[in-house]
């Protein structure tokens, strides 16, 4: 974390100091560096050939959903990620950017044009943009409902990597960072986001320090890493988590709540945390040798925070150091929107 006092988009210096002290009391469970001398690329990338992936529907239990993934290479295609609803032939694509976010309370919903032209829980898809370094992609789908996998977003990672990556010589990347350290405090839970510029302007890497603190079996977890495709691939297997009580309530109330009625959550595709122990088994590949599961903080890092950062404008990538403590979708999106509205980002050379 930067030792300079940040600018505050919301919150007081006293609240920030308390939050930093709470974060400092959480030991780092795992720290991962990038390969020696590695720097992110200068040119944008897309996939080499078409790929498809399918899985159970997220919001329509018992149904299947498929994504068709197409290269977006050269000036004849749209830059960035664009989602084409094939079941809505008169609608234009939904750009995968902050401007398309319609709400971000429990998931990030992207919407453009008509009310139906939307993608729900987009974070599990759009996170591949920054995580794998695929800057432009055309995604075709037949519903607002993405697939929900038993291993987070790993099947999508595998499909994209099997399609191969290629650089687009027509599209140079722009790396952006705050002009000075800037923070946004959560108005209630003592959490915050802090983004600081790199020490050297030629350093385009993104370092993440992410901590969670839940009053359940999850408890306190902290992960530090330099974002690199190898680390993202590992974390992409992390499932969404919720408390066992929330799952019971969802099942009990689902006949009366339309948005929950056909929710596709099971004890395989979601991690259920009881008060003192998990109700199902955490992913062992995301646990420490001593047995402590880091699946929740991996999910928060790779499928939540990286997803929000993937919503930067086309051909932009973030650089610097970003700290997340007890934050979530709503704070992520609000933070980034305020940075743009207030002109607090700069481009690196």
Protein backbone atom coordinates (compact mmCIF):
# COMPACT_ATOMS: atom_id res chain seq x y z
CA UNK A 1 0.00 0.00 0.00
CA UNK A 2 1.09 3.56 -0.70
CA UNK A 3 2.38 5.51 2.29
CA UNK A 4 1.04 8.76 0.80
CA UNK A 5 -2.29 9.98 2.10
CA UNK A 6 -4.74 9.29 -0.75
CA UNK A 7 -7.42 11.51 -2.13
CA UNK A 8 -10.81 10.38 -0.84
CA UNK A 9 -13.73 9.95 -3.20
CA UNK A 10 -15.79 9.13 -0.11
CA UNK A 11 -14.89 8.68 3.55
CA UNK A 12 -12.76 10.40 6.16
CA UNK A 13 -9.05 10.12 6.96
CA UNK A 14 -9.99 8.69 10.36
CA UNK A 15 -12.19 6.00 8.80
CA UNK A 16 -9.46 5.17 6.31
CA UNK A 17 -6.88 4.81 9.09
CA UNK A 18 -9.17 2.40 10.96
CA UNK A 19 -9.73 0.37 7.80
CA UNK A 20 -5.99 0.22 7.07
CA UNK A 21 -5.33 -0.98 10.60
CA UNK A 22 -7.95 -3.72 10.23
CA UNK A 23 -6.34 -4.78 6.95
CA UNK A 24 -2.85 -4.77 8.48
CA UNK A 25 -4.04 -7.25 11.12
CA UNK A 26 -4.89 -9.82 8.40
CA UNK A 27 -1.75 -11.81 7.49
CA UNK A 28 -1.01 -12.44 3.83
CA UNK A 29 -1.98 -16.06 3.09
CA UNK A 30 -0.37 -16.21 -0.34
CA UNK A 31 1.81 -13.86 -2.41
CA UNK A 32 2.50 -14.52 -6.09
CA UNK A 33 4.90 -12.65 -8.36
CA UNK A 34 4.95 -12.54 -12.15
CA UNK A 35 7.87 -14.09 -14.09
CA UNK A 36 11.10 -12.12 -13.85
CA UNK A 37 11.21 -9.03 -16.08
CA UNK A 38 7.68 -9.67 -17.40
CA UNK A 39 5.66 -6.70 -18.63
CA UNK A 40 2.19 -6.67 -20.20
CA UNK A 41 2.09 -6.34 -24.00
CA UNK A 42 1.91 -3.13 -26.01
CA UNK A 43 -0.58 -4.41 -28.59
CA UNK A 44 -4.14 -5.61 -28.04
CA UNK A 45 -4.99 -9.27 -28.55
CA UNK A 46 -7.95 -11.35 -29.65
CA UNK A 47 -8.44 -15.07 -30.23
CA UNK A 48 -7.25 -16.84 -33.38
CA UNK A 49 -10.37 -18.87 -34.12
CA UNK A 50 -13.93 -19.35 -33.00
CA UNK A 51 -14.67 -21.13 -29.73
CA UNK A 52 -17.84 -22.23 -27.97
CA UNK A 53 -18.64 -23.09 -24.40
CA UNK A 54 -21.87 -24.22 -22.78
CA UNK A 55 -23.15 -25.11 -19.36
CA UNK A 56 -26.21 -25.04 -17.09
CA UNK A 57 -28.13 -21.77 -17.07
CA UNK A 58 -27.55 -19.45 -14.12
CA UNK A 59 -31.13 -18.18 -13.78
CA UNK A 60 -33.13 -20.88 -15.58
CA UNK A 61 -32.60 -24.13 -13.72
CA UNK A 62 -32.64 -27.20 -15.95
CA UNK A 63 -31.78 -25.31 -19.13
CA UNK A 64 -28.46 -25.01 -20.99
CA UNK A 65 -26.75 -21.83 -22.15
CA UNK A 66 -24.05 -21.46 -24.81
CA UNK A 67 -21.59 -18.70 -25.64
CA UNK A 68 -20.10 -18.38 -29.12
CA UNK A 69 -16.75 -16.58 -28.99
CA UNK A 70 -15.43 -14.93 -32.17
CA UNK A 71 -12.20 -13.08 -33.00
CA UNK A 72 -12.39 -9.29 -33.32
CA UNK A 73 -9.32 -8.44 -35.41
CA UNK A 74 -8.62 -5.30 -37.40
CA UNK A 75 -10.46 -2.04 -38.13
CA UNK A 76 -13.52 -3.79 -39.60
CA UNK A 77 -14.48 -5.12 -36.15
CA UNK A 78 -15.49 -3.39 -32.94
CA UNK A 79 -12.72 -3.02 -30.33
CA UNK A 80 -13.26 -4.30 -26.80
CA UNK A 81 -15.74 -6.97 -25.76
CA UNK A 82 -19.17 -6.78 -27.36
CA UNK A 83 -22.11 -9.04 -26.52
CA UNK A 84 -24.56 -9.78 -29.34
CA UNK A 85 -27.97 -11.11 -28.29
CA UNK A 86 -28.87 -13.36 -31.24
CA UNK A 87 -32.41 -13.73 -29.90
CA UNK A 88 -32.91 -9.94 -30.25
CA UNK A 89 -32.10 -9.33 -33.93
CA UNK A 90 -33.00 -5.62 -33.86
CA UNK A 91 -30.73 -4.77 -30.94
CA UNK A 92 -27.16 -3.55 -31.22
CA UNK A 93 -24.35 -5.21 -29.24
CA UNK A 94 -23.89 -4.58 -25.54
CA UNK A 95 -20.43 -3.05 -25.01
CA UNK A 96 -18.53 -4.60 -22.12
CA UNK A 97 -17.78 -1.26 -20.49
CA UNK A 98 -18.69 0.76 -17.41
CA UNK A 99 -21.17 2.75 -19.48
CA UNK A 100 -23.27 -0.41 -19.94
CA UNK A 101 -23.57 -1.26 -16.22
CA UNK A 102 -27.21 -0.97 -15.17
CA UNK A 103 -26.81 -2.36 -11.65
CA UNK A 104 -24.13 -4.05 -9.56
CA UNK A 105 -25.63 -5.07 -6.23
CA UNK A 106 -25.32 -8.86 -6.24
CA UNK A 107 -23.95 -9.19 -9.77
CA UNK A 108 -22.88 -6.86 -12.59
CA UNK A 109 -25.68 -6.48 -15.13
CA UNK A 110 -24.78 -5.00 -18.52
CA UNK A 111 -27.55 -3.43 -20.59
CA UNK A 112 -27.77 -1.39 -23.80
CA UNK A 113 -30.73 -0.08 -25.77
CA UNK A 114 -33.94 -1.93 -24.92
CA UNK A 115 -34.70 -3.26 -21.46
CA UNK A 116 -34.35 -6.88 -22.61
CA UNK A 117 -30.94 -6.34 -24.24
CA UNK A 118 -28.94 -7.33 -21.15
CA UNK A 119 -26.39 -9.77 -19.76
CA UNK A 120 -26.73 -10.78 -16.10
CA UNK A 121 -23.82 -11.92 -13.93
CA UNK A 122 -21.51 -10.61 -16.63
CA UNK A 123 -18.52 -10.62 -14.29
CA UNK A 124 -17.94 -14.35 -14.75
CA UNK A 125 -17.51 -13.73 -18.49
CA UNK A 126 -15.91 -10.28 -18.80
CA UNK A 127 -13.15 -11.08 -16.28
CA UNK A 128 -11.35 -13.02 -19.03
CA UNK A 129 -10.69 -9.73 -20.84
CA UNK A 130 -8.07 -8.49 -18.39
CA UNK A 131 -7.30 -11.81 -16.75
CA UNK A 132 -6.18 -13.53 -19.96
CA UNK A 133 -5.29 -10.38 -21.89
CA UNK A 134 -7.96 -10.77 -24.58
CA UNK A 135 -8.75 -7.17 -25.36
CA UNK A 136 -11.27 -7.58 -28.19
CA UNK A 137 -13.89 -10.29 -28.61
CA UNK A 138 -17.32 -10.78 -30.13
CA UNK A 139 -19.58 -12.86 -27.88
CA UNK A 140 -22.85 -14.24 -29.24
CA UNK A 141 -25.57 -15.52 -26.90
CA UNK A 142 -29.28 -16.34 -26.97
CA UNK A 143 -30.28 -15.12 -23.52
CA UNK A 144 -29.43 -12.68 -20.75
CA UNK A 145 -28.47 -15.75 -18.77
CA UNK A 146 -24.81 -16.92 -18.88
CA UNK A 147 -23.65 -20.49 -18.19
CA UNK A 148 -22.90 -21.43 -14.60
CA UNK A 149 -20.04 -23.89 -14.21
CA UNK A 150 -18.99 -26.16 -11.35
CA UNK A 151 -15.46 -24.70 -11.55
CA UNK A 152 -16.03 -20.95 -11.59
CA UNK A 153 -15.06 -19.69 -15.05
CA UNK A 154 -12.38 -22.30 -15.75
CA UNK A 155 -14.23 -23.92 -18.72
CA UNK A 156 -14.40 -20.49 -20.36
CA UNK A 157 -10.67 -19.95 -19.76
CA UNK A 158 -9.90 -23.31 -21.31
CA UNK A 159 -12.05 -22.64 -24.38
CA UNK A 160 -10.43 -19.26 -25.00
CA UNK A 161 -6.90 -20.58 -24.54
CA UNK A 162 -7.59 -23.50 -26.87
CA UNK A 163 -8.68 -20.96 -29.48
CA UNK A 164 -5.25 -19.34 -29.23
CA UNK A 165 -4.32 -15.66 -28.97
CA UNK A 166 -3.09 -13.28 -31.65
CA UNK A 167 -1.94 -9.67 -31.43
CA UNK A 168 -3.74 -6.98 -33.40
CA UNK A 169 -1.12 -4.68 -34.99
CA UNK A 170 -3.84 -2.09 -35.69
CA UNK A 171 -4.70 -1.65 -32.01
CA UNK A 172 -2.07 -0.40 -29.56
CA UNK A 173 -3.00 -0.61 -25.89
CA UNK A 174 -3.22 2.33 -23.49
CA UNK A 175 -2.29 1.81 -19.84
CA UNK A 176 -4.01 4.06 -17.31
CA UNK A 177 -3.49 4.75 -13.64
CA UNK A 178 -4.58 7.40 -11.12
CA UNK A 179 -2.72 10.70 -11.12
CA UNK A 180 -2.11 10.13 -7.38
CA UNK A 181 -3.28 7.55 -4.80
CA UNK A 182 -7.07 7.60 -4.52
CA UNK A 183 -9.43 5.72 -2.19
CA UNK A 184 -13.14 5.04 -1.80
CA UNK A 185 -14.41 3.85 1.59
CA UNK A 186 -17.44 1.65 2.02
CA UNK A 187 -20.13 3.69 3.79
CA UNK A 188 -20.99 0.93 6.26
CA UNK A 189 -18.67 -2.07 6.62
CA UNK A 190 -15.25 -0.43 7.05
CA UNK A 191 -13.96 -1.69 3.72
CA UNK A 192 -12.24 0.32 1.01
CA UNK A 193 -10.58 0.38 -2.40
CA UNK A 194 -7.22 2.09 -2.93
CA UNK A 195 -5.49 2.54 -6.30
CA UNK A 196 -1.97 3.96 -6.48
CA UNK A 197 0.13 4.69 -9.58
CA UNK A 198 3.26 2.61 -10.28
CA UNK A 199 6.58 3.82 -8.92
CA UNK A 200 8.00 3.92 -12.45
CA UNK A 201 5.78 5.15 -15.31
CA UNK A 202 7.22 2.49 -17.64
CA UNK A 203 5.93 -0.25 -15.34
CA UNK A 204 2.58 -1.38 -16.74
CA UNK A 205 2.01 -4.28 -14.35
CA UNK A 206 -1.01 -4.44 -12.04
CA UNK A 207 -0.48 -5.55 -8.44
CA UNK A 208 -3.49 -6.62 -6.41
CA UNK A 209 -3.78 -6.89 -2.63
CA UNK A 210 -7.18 -8.39 -1.81
CA UNK A 211 -8.61 -9.27 1.59
CA UNK A 212 -12.01 -10.58 2.67
CA UNK A 213 -13.50 -10.80 6.16
CA UNK A 214 -16.75 -12.73 6.64
CA UNK A 215 -18.54 -13.73 9.88
CA UNK A 216 -18.73 -17.31 8.59
CA UNK A 217 -16.38 -20.24 8.03
CA UNK A 218 -14.67 -18.10 5.37
CA UNK A 219 -13.28 -15.73 8.00
CA UNK A 220 -10.26 -13.63 7.07
CA UNK A 221 -8.29 -14.32 3.87
CA UNK A 222 -5.69 -12.24 2.04
CA UNK A 223 -4.10 -12.72 -1.37
CA UNK A 224 -1.42 -10.62 -3.06
CA UNK A 225 -0.41 -11.09 -6.68
CA UNK A 226 0.87 -9.44 -9.81
CA UNK A 227 -1.90 -10.04 -12.32
CA UNK A 228 -0.63 -12.52 -14.92
CA UNK A 229 -2.53 -15.07 -17.06
CA UNK A 230 -0.99 -17.96 -15.10
CA UNK A 231 -2.33 -16.61 -11.80
CA UNK A 232 -5.70 -15.74 -13.32
CA UNK A 233 -6.06 -19.23 -14.76
CA UNK A 234 -5.53 -20.66 -11.30
CA UNK A 235 -8.05 -18.38 -9.64
CA UNK A 236 -10.67 -18.76 -12.37
CA UNK A 237 -11.70 -22.11 -10.83
CA UNK A 238 -13.03 -20.33 -7.72
CA UNK A 239 -16.80 -20.53 -7.29
CA UNK A 240 -19.20 -17.91 -6.03
CA UNK A 241 -19.73 -18.21 -2.29
CA UNK A 242 -22.61 -17.49 0.03
CA UNK A 243 -23.64 -18.47 3.51
CA UNK A 244 -25.54 -21.71 3.99
CA UNK A 245 -28.30 -19.63 5.58
CA UNK A 246 -28.62 -17.49 2.42
CA UNK A 247 -28.92 -20.65 0.34
CA UNK A 248 -31.65 -22.04 2.61
CA UNK A 249 -33.56 -18.75 2.45
CA UNK A 250 -33.26 -18.64 -1.35
CA UNK A 251 -34.71 -22.14 -1.63
CA UNK A 252 -37.47 -21.37 0.86
CA UNK A 253 -38.51 -18.10 -0.78
CA UNK A 254 -37.87 -19.05 -4.40
CA UNK A 255 -41.56 -19.83 -5.14
CA UNK A 256 -42.42 -16.23 -4.20
CA UNK A 257 -39.43 -14.32 -5.66
CA UNK A 258 -39.36 -14.41 -9.49
CA UNK A 259 -35.62 -13.73 -9.76
CA UNK A 260 -34.90 -16.72 -7.46
CA UNK A 261 -37.53 -19.11 -8.80
CA UNK A 262 -35.28 -20.92 -11.25
CA UNK A 263 -31.87 -20.02 -9.84
CA UNK A 264 -29.38 -22.66 -10.96
CA UNK A 265 -27.21 -22.69 -7.82
CA UNK A 266 -26.29 -26.13 -6.46
CA UNK A 267 -23.86 -27.44 -3.87
CA UNK A 268 -21.45 -28.11 -6.77
CA UNK A 269 -21.32 -24.71 -8.45
CA UNK A 270 -21.34 -22.53 -5.33
CA UNK A 271 -19.31 -22.66 -2.10
CA UNK A 272 -21.59 -22.75 0.95
CA UNK A 273 -20.17 -21.39 4.18
CA UNK A 274 -21.75 -22.24 7.52
CA UNK A 275 -21.01 -20.38 10.70
CA UNK A 276 -17.99 -22.50 11.62
CA UNK A 277 -17.47 -24.89 8.70
CA UNK A 278 -18.28 -25.26 5.05
CA UNK A 279 -21.47 -27.10 4.09
CA UNK A 280 -19.70 -28.50 1.01
CA UNK A 281 -16.06 -29.08 0.11
CA UNK A 282 -13.91 -26.14 -1.01
CA UNK A 283 -11.81 -26.59 -4.15
CA UNK A 284 -8.63 -28.31 -2.89
CA UNK A 285 -6.57 -26.71 -5.68
CA UNK A 286 -7.24 -23.34 -4.05
CA UNK A 287 -6.34 -24.37 -0.50
CA UNK A 288 -3.09 -23.90 1.39
CA UNK A 289 -0.98 -26.94 2.32
CA UNK A 290 -2.34 -26.75 5.87
CA UNK A 291 -5.90 -27.04 4.58
CA UNK A 292 -7.11 -23.42 4.77
CA UNK A 293 -9.30 -22.66 1.78
CA UNK A 294 -8.59 -19.49 -0.20
CA UNK A 295 -11.37 -20.09 -2.71
CA UNK A 296 -13.41 -17.04 -1.59
CA UNK A 297 -10.52 -14.57 -1.87
CA UNK A 298 -9.47 -16.10 -5.20
CA UNK A 299 -13.03 -15.57 -6.44
CA UNK A 300 -13.11 -12.00 -5.15
CA UNK A 301 -9.79 -11.29 -6.89
CA UNK A 302 -10.19 -12.97 -10.27
CA UNK A 303 -13.92 -13.11 -10.93
CA UNK A 304 -15.06 -9.93 -9.16
CA UNK A 305 -12.31 -7.30 -9.00
CA UNK A 306 -10.60 -8.24 -12.28
CA UNK A 307 -14.05 -8.25 -13.91
CA UNK A 308 -14.75 -4.69 -12.80
CA UNK A 309 -11.34 -3.54 -14.06
CA UNK A 310 -12.11 -5.27 -17.38
CA UNK A 311 -14.92 -2.72 -17.85
CA UNK A 312 -12.47 0.07 -18.65
CA UNK A 313 -12.98 1.55 -22.14
CA UNK A 314 -11.80 -0.55 -25.10
CA UNK A 315 -8.04 -0.94 -25.47
CA UNK A 316 -7.35 0.42 -21.98
CA UNK A 317 -5.72 -1.60 -19.21
CA UNK A 318 -5.08 -0.60 -15.59
CA UNK A 319 -1.61 -0.36 -14.07
CA UNK A 320 -0.28 0.32 -10.58
CA UNK A 321 -1.27 -1.11 -7.19
CA UNK A 322 -4.86 -1.74 -6.17
CA UNK A 323 -5.93 -2.74 -2.67
CA UNK A 324 -9.37 -4.19 -1.97
CA UNK A 325 -10.59 -4.76 1.58
CA UNK A 326 -14.15 -5.99 2.25
CA UNK A 327 -15.28 -4.55 -1.09
CA UNK A 328 -17.69 -5.94 -3.67
CA UNK A 329 -19.31 -5.30 -7.05
CA UNK A 330 -21.12 -2.12 -6.06
CA UNK A 331 -18.05 -0.43 -4.59
CA UNK A 332 -15.88 -1.59 -7.52
CA UNK A 333 -18.16 -0.08 -10.15
CA UNK A 334 -18.79 3.11 -8.20
CA UNK A 335 -15.04 3.60 -7.66
CA UNK A 336 -14.22 3.31 -11.35
CA UNK A 337 -17.11 5.50 -12.47
CA UNK A 338 -16.08 8.25 -10.06
CA UNK A 339 -12.49 8.12 -11.27
CA UNK A 340 -13.67 8.75 -14.83
CA UNK A 341 -16.27 11.38 -13.90
CA UNK A 342 -13.71 13.35 -11.91
CA UNK A 343 -10.90 13.04 -14.47
CA UNK A 344 -8.52 11.32 -12.04
CA UNK A 345 -6.86 8.88 -14.45
CA UNK A 346 -3.83 9.46 -16.64
CA UNK A 347 -2.22 7.52 -19.46
CA UNK A 348 1.21 6.02 -18.95
CA UNK A 349 3.95 6.32 -21.59
